[in-house]
Amino acid sequence: MKTPRLKERLVALIVLAALLFSPPLLLVADRPSATGLSWLPLYLFLAWGAVIALTAWLMEHRPEE
């Protein structure tokens, strides 16, 4: 691993991803808006993108030496 705390950060990212995709949060996002459309697809897209972006940042981030 590149940095001494990378393992802890990756575990924290896994916990965050598990929380973002847990059924209680998905049910909150699944409620229809005033137009009758569900926010679930947008929530899933943004949450998945955030997890991918954070993973890429953690893996590519170089510590200053």
Protein backbone atom coordinates (compact mmCIF):
# COMPACT_ATOMS: atom_id res chain seq x y z
CA MET A 1 0.00 0.00 0.00
CA LYS A 2 1.22 3.47 -0.79
CA THR A 3 0.42 5.22 2.47
CA PRO A 4 0.21 3.84 5.98
CA ARG A 5 -3.43 4.87 6.36
CA LEU A 6 -4.66 3.73 2.95
CA LYS A 7 -6.12 0.50 4.35
CA GLU A 8 -8.16 2.41 6.93
CA ARG A 9 -9.39 4.84 4.30
CA LEU A 10 -10.44 2.03 1.97
CA VAL A 11 -12.33 0.31 4.79
CA ALA A 12 -14.07 3.61 5.55
CA LEU A 13 -14.98 3.91 1.86
CA ILE A 14 -16.49 0.42 1.90
CA VAL A 15 -18.54 1.31 4.98
CA LEU A 16 -19.71 4.53 3.30
CA ALA A 17 -20.71 2.62 0.16
CA ALA A 18 -22.61 0.07 2.26
CA LEU A 19 -24.46 2.89 4.01
CA LEU A 20 -25.25 4.72 0.78
CA PHE A 21 -26.78 1.61 -0.76
CA SER A 22 -28.59 0.36 2.35
CA PRO A 23 -32.35 -0.19 2.05
CA PRO A 24 -33.42 2.63 4.42
CA LEU A 25 -31.66 5.28 2.32
CA LEU A 26 -32.88 3.73 -0.90
CA LEU A 27 -36.46 3.83 0.37
CA VAL A 28 -36.11 7.52 1.22
CA ALA A 29 -34.86 8.24 -2.31
CA ASP A 30 -37.65 6.13 -3.83
CA ARG A 31 -40.43 8.49 -2.76
CA PRO A 32 -42.06 10.24 -5.72
CA SER A 33 -41.63 13.99 -6.15
CA ALA A 34 -44.38 16.50 -6.97
CA THR A 35 -44.15 15.56 -10.65
CA GLY A 36 -44.66 11.88 -9.83
CA LEU A 37 -41.12 10.85 -10.76
CA SER A 38 -38.89 8.96 -8.38
CA TRP A 39 -35.53 10.37 -7.26
CA LEU A 40 -34.08 6.85 -7.00
CA PRO A 41 -32.30 6.71 -10.39
CA LEU A 42 -30.62 10.07 -9.79
CA TYR A 43 -29.62 9.07 -6.25
CA LEU A 44 -28.15 5.76 -7.44
CA PHE A 45 -26.23 7.46 -10.25
CA LEU A 46 -24.78 10.15 -7.97
CA ALA A 47 -23.95 7.77 -5.12
CA TRP A 48 -22.26 5.29 -7.46
CA GLY A 49 -20.32 8.11 -9.13
CA ALA A 50 -19.20 9.44 -5.74
CA VAL A 51 -17.96 6.00 -4.65
CA ILE A 52 -16.04 5.56 -7.92
CA ALA A 53 -14.56 9.07 -7.70
CA LEU A 54 -13.47 8.59 -4.09
CA THR A 55 -11.93 5.22 -4.91
CA ALA A 56 -10.00 6.69 -7.84
CA TRP A 57 -8.83 9.60 -5.70
CA LEU A 58 -7.66 7.31 -2.91
CA MET A 59 -5.82 4.97 -5.23
CA GLU A 60 -4.16 7.67 -7.35
CA HIS A 61 -3.39 10.21 -4.62
CA ARG A 62 0.35 10.52 -4.08
CA PRO A 63 1.59 11.56 -0.63
CA GLU A 64 4.06 14.40 -0.64
CA GLU A 65 7.53 13.15 0.14
